[in-house]
C-alpha atoms as a PDB file:
ATOM      1  CA  UNK A   1     202.333  20.728  70.672  1.00  0.00           C
ATOM      2  CA  UNK A   2     199.837  21.413  73.109  1.00  0.00           C
ATOM      3  CA  UNK A   3     197.277  24.142  72.179  1.00  0.00           C
ATOM      4  CA  UNK A   4     197.562  27.522  74.311  1.00  0.00           C
ATOM      5  CA  UNK A   5     195.295  27.908  77.074  1.00  0.00           C
ATOM      6  CA  UNK A   6     191.286  28.900  76.813  1.00  0.00           C
ATOM      7  CA  UNK A   7     189.526  31.231  78.734  1.00  0.00           C
ATOM      8  CA  UNK A   8     187.043  28.325  78.979  1.00  0.00           C
ATOM      9  CA  UNK A   9     189.876  26.067  80.472  1.00  0.00           C
ATOM     10  CA  UNK A  10     190.782  28.780  83.058  1.00  0.00           C
ATOM     11  CA  UNK A  11     187.259  29.117  84.412  1.00  0.00           C
ATOM     12  CA  UNK A  12     186.370  25.672  85.006  1.00  0.00           C
ATOM     13  CA  UNK A  13     189.463  25.233  87.375  1.00  0.00           C
ATOM     14  CA  UNK A  14     188.119  28.718  88.872  1.00  0.00           C
ATOM     15  CA  UNK A  15     184.741  26.972  89.563  1.00  0.00           C
ATOM     16  CA  UNK A  16     186.102  23.302  89.961  1.00  0.00           C
ATOM     17  CA  UNK A  17     188.623  25.517  93.222  1.00  0.00           C
ATOM     18  CA  UNK A  18     185.374  27.079  94.242  1.00  0.00           C
ATOM     19  CA  UNK A  19     183.666  23.314  93.999  1.00  0.00           C
ATOM     20  CA  UNK A  20     186.227  21.834  96.266  1.00  0.00           C
ATOM     21  CA  UNK A  21     186.540  24.524  98.659  1.00  0.00           C
ATOM     22  CA  UNK A  22     182.484  24.765  99.231  1.00  0.00           C
ATOM     23  CA  UNK A  23     182.287  20.925 100.236  1.00  0.00           C
ATOM     24  CA  UNK A  24     185.183  20.991 102.661  1.00  0.00           C
ATOM     25  CA  UNK A  25     183.011  23.768 104.717  1.00  0.00           C
ATOM     26  CA  UNK A  26     180.907  21.599 104.133  1.00  0.00           C
ATOM     27  CA  UNK A  27     182.461  18.573 105.254  1.00  0.00           C
ATOM     28  CA  UNK A  28     183.685  19.845 108.218  1.00  0.00           C
ATOM     29  CA  UNK A  29     180.681  21.848 109.035  1.00  0.00           C
ATOM     30  CA  UNK A  30     178.638  18.781 109.170  1.00  0.00           C
ATOM     31  CA  UNK A  31     180.274  17.042 112.173  1.00  0.00           C
ATOM     32  CA  UNK A  32     179.442  20.324 113.872  1.00  0.00           C
ATOM     33  CA  UNK A  33     175.928  20.491 112.517  1.00  0.00           C
ATOM     34  CA  UNK A  34     175.017  17.127 113.658  1.00  0.00           C
ATOM     35  CA  UNK A  35     176.939  17.995 117.222  1.00  0.00           C
ATOM     36  CA  UNK A  36     174.836  20.477 117.362  1.00  0.00           C
ATOM     37  CA  UNK A  37     171.305  20.602 116.148  1.00  0.00           C
ATOM     38  CA  UNK A  38     169.677  20.447 119.138  1.00  0.00           C
ATOM     39  CA  UNK A  39     171.477  23.714 121.164  1.00  0.00           C
ATOM     40  CA  UNK A  40     170.017  26.468 118.733  1.00  0.00           C
ATOM     41  CA  UNK A  41     171.797  28.819 121.320  1.00  0.00           C
ATOM     42  CA  UNK A  42     174.876  27.413 122.373  1.00  0.00           C
ATOM     43  CA  UNK A  43     178.509  29.036 122.966  1.00  0.00           C
ATOM     44  CA  UNK A  44     181.171  27.938 121.198  1.00  0.00           C
ATOM     45  CA  UNK A  45     182.577  25.732 124.213  1.00  0.00           C
ATOM     46  CA  UNK A  46     179.028  23.837 124.344  1.00  0.00           C
ATOM     47  CA  UNK A  47     179.807  23.585 120.446  1.00  0.00           C
ATOM     48  CA  UNK A  48     182.976  21.992 121.044  1.00  0.00           C
ATOM     49  CA  UNK A  49     181.507  19.806 124.126  1.00  0.00           C
ATOM     50  CA  UNK A  50     178.742  18.511 121.689  1.00  0.00           C
ATOM     51  CA  UNK A  51     181.663  17.475 119.206  1.00  0.00           C
ATOM     52  CA  UNK A  52     183.961  14.535 121.494  1.00  0.00           C
ATOM     53  CA  UNK A  53     180.782  12.792 121.345  1.00  0.00           C
ATOM     54  CA  UNK A  54     179.850  12.513 117.852  1.00  0.00           C
ATOM     55  CA  UNK A  55     183.901  11.849 116.588  1.00  0.00           C
ATOM     56  CA  UNK A  56     183.706   8.254 114.594  1.00  0.00           C
ATOM     57  CA  UNK A  57     187.427   6.471 115.225  1.00  0.00           C
ATOM     58  CA  UNK A  58     186.643   4.338 111.823  1.00  0.00           C
ATOM     59  CA  UNK A  59     186.306   7.247 109.724  1.00  0.00           C
ATOM     60  CA  UNK A  60     189.528   8.769 110.885  1.00  0.00           C
ATOM     61  CA  UNK A  61     191.412   6.035 110.707  1.00  0.00           C
ATOM     62  CA  UNK A  62     194.848   6.522 108.456  1.00  0.00           C
ATOM     63  CA  UNK A  63     193.971  10.495 108.848  1.00  0.00           C
ATOM     64  CA  UNK A  64     196.617  12.389 110.589  1.00  0.00           C
ATOM     65  CA  UNK A  65     195.903  16.196 111.225  1.00  0.00           C
ATOM     66  CA  UNK A  66     195.599  19.556 113.128  1.00  0.00           C
ATOM     67  CA  UNK A  67     192.750  21.380 113.407  1.00  0.00           C
ATOM     68  CA  UNK A  68     193.098  24.998 115.015  1.00  0.00           C
ATOM     69  CA  UNK A  69     189.871  27.325 115.571  1.00  0.00           C
ATOM     70  CA  UNK A  70     190.514  30.706 116.346  1.00  0.00           C
ATOM     71  CA  UNK A  71     187.247  32.299 117.308  1.00  0.00           C
ATOM     72  CA  UNK A  72     186.542  36.336 117.616  1.00  0.00           C
ATOM     73  CA  UNK A  73     183.754  38.166 119.958  1.00  0.00           C
ATOM     74  CA  UNK A  74     183.029  37.794 123.735  1.00  0.00           C
ATOM     75  CA  UNK A  75     182.648  33.865 123.869  1.00  0.00           C
ATOM     76  CA  UNK A  76     185.308  33.931 121.286  1.00  0.00           C
ATOM     77  CA  UNK A  77     188.438  31.787 121.675  1.00  0.00           C
ATOM     78  CA  UNK A  78     191.306  29.372 120.202  1.00  0.00           C
ATOM     79  CA  UNK A  79     190.277  25.340 120.088  1.00  0.00           C
ATOM     80  CA  UNK A  80     192.037  22.815 118.527  1.00  0.00           C
ATOM     81  CA  UNK A  81     191.853  18.851 117.530  1.00  0.00           C
ATOM     82  CA  UNK A  82     194.617  16.505 116.831  1.00  0.00           C
ATOM     83  CA  UNK A  83     193.644  13.204 115.055  1.00  0.00           C
ATOM     84  CA  UNK A  84     195.921  10.836 114.896  1.00  0.00           C
ATOM     85  CA  UNK A  85     195.117   7.690 113.284  1.00  0.00           C
ATOM     86  CA  UNK A  86     191.928   6.653 114.329  1.00  0.00           C
ATOM     87  CA  UNK A  87     191.628   8.409 117.941  1.00  0.00           C
ATOM     88  CA  UNK A  88     191.651  12.864 118.794  1.00  0.00           C
ATOM     89  CA  UNK A  89     192.494  14.734 121.422  1.00  0.00           C
ATOM     90  CA  UNK A  90     190.407  17.972 121.774  1.00  0.00           C
ATOM     91  CA  UNK A  91     191.479  21.435 123.830  1.00  0.00           C
ATOM     92  CA  UNK A  92     191.332  25.204 124.255  1.00  0.00           C
ATOM     93  CA  UNK A  93     194.249  27.483 123.054  1.00  0.00           C
ATOM     94  CA  UNK A  94     196.379  27.154 120.653  1.00  0.00           C
ATOM     95  CA  UNK A  95     198.147  24.059 119.105  1.00  0.00           C
ATOM     96  CA  UNK A  96     201.548  23.623 117.119  1.00  0.00           C
ATOM     97  CA  UNK A  97     201.621  23.367 113.151  1.00  0.00           C
ATOM     98  CA  UNK A  98     198.088  23.092 113.185  1.00  0.00           C
ATOM     99  CA  UNK A  99     197.183  21.736 109.294  1.00  0.00           C
ATOM    100  CA  UNK A 100     194.483  24.128 108.790  1.00  0.00           C
ATOM    101  CA  UNK A 101     192.825  26.803 110.940  1.00  0.00           C
ATOM    102  CA  UNK A 102     189.381  27.972 110.587  1.00  0.00           C
ATOM    103  CA  UNK A 103     188.769  31.592 111.562  1.00  0.00           C
ATOM    104  CA  UNK A 104     184.847  33.151 112.366  1.00  0.00           C
ATOM    105  CA  UNK A 105     183.027  34.765 114.897  1.00  0.00           C
ATOM    106  CA  UNK A 106     181.475  33.067 118.143  1.00  0.00           C
ATOM    107  CA  UNK A 107     178.522  34.132 116.998  1.00  0.00           C
ATOM    108  CA  UNK A 108     178.792  32.852 113.508  1.00  0.00           C
ATOM    109  CA  UNK A 109     180.412  29.322 114.884  1.00  0.00           C
ATOM    110  CA  UNK A 110     177.967  28.770 116.496  1.00  0.00           C
ATOM    111  CA  UNK A 111     174.897  29.403 113.893  1.00  0.00           C
ATOM    112  CA  UNK A 112     176.936  27.375 111.123  1.00  0.00           C
ATOM    113  CA  UNK A 113     177.461  24.319 114.297  1.00  0.00           C
ATOM    114  CA  UNK A 114     173.784  24.391 114.552  1.00  0.00           C
ATOM    115  CA  UNK A 115     172.462  24.825 110.886  1.00  0.00           C
ATOM    116  CA  UNK A 116     171.128  28.637 111.185  1.00  0.00           C
ATOM    117  CA  UNK A 117     174.159  30.270 108.873  1.00  0.00           C
ATOM    118  CA  UNK A 118     174.494  28.160 105.448  1.00  0.00           C
ATOM    119  CA  UNK A 119     178.557  27.347 106.007  1.00  0.00           C
ATOM    120  CA  UNK A 120     179.091  28.240 101.770  1.00  0.00           C
ATOM    121  CA  UNK A 121     177.801  31.674 102.245  1.00  0.00           C
ATOM    122  CA  UNK A 122     179.592  32.515 105.376  1.00  0.00           C
ATOM    123  CA  UNK A 123     182.662  31.530 103.538  1.00  0.00           C
ATOM    124  CA  UNK A 124     182.038  32.797  99.971  1.00  0.00           C
ATOM    125  CA  UNK A 125     181.135  36.265 101.914  1.00  0.00           C
ATOM    126  CA  UNK A 126     183.920  35.577 104.106  1.00  0.00           C
ATOM    127  CA  UNK A 127     182.336  35.143 107.513  1.00  0.00           C
ATOM    128  CA  UNK A 128     184.323  32.322 107.654  1.00  0.00           C
ATOM    129  CA  UNK A 129     187.644  31.471 106.513  1.00  0.00           C
ATOM    130  CA  UNK A 130     189.738  28.240 105.922  1.00  0.00           C
ATOM    131  CA  UNK A 131     193.345  28.848 106.381  1.00  0.00           C
ATOM    132  CA  UNK A 132     195.991  26.140 105.566  1.00  0.00           C
ATOM    133  CA  UNK A 133     195.325  22.706 103.676  1.00  0.00           C
ATOM    134  CA  UNK A 134     191.826  22.725 102.095  1.00  0.00           C
ATOM    135  CA  UNK A 135     192.610  18.865 101.450  1.00  0.00           C
ATOM    136  CA  UNK A 136     192.671  18.386 104.722  1.00  0.00           C
ATOM    137  CA  UNK A 137     189.916  20.749 106.154  1.00  0.00           C
END
């Protein structure tokens, strides 16, 4: 016979979800951080250009995911990356059926990428949103 769920268990699940979400955010921002660390005053386009050089095919083996960025602001726009078993394509605009979409402002994306805005803080305060598959993010 199963015991009824206690408040402690529900609370633990909430913290587990938050921990997983934070880890997801840190991982996706990590690539951009390393790519744009030397570009404190970058534009979003420069961040994405720098990300091209940091792609590691061996780490993307077996990954099939489509990433979309929707950035607001004067230098905002839409960018996408399509990862397919160790290869990737990147472009500007909208991709069909993204696995995950990242939503933020142009300035916040650059700040996240160069490490001047904390990823966890941006996520938990709503300045950086993740829509779609948390596991793919």
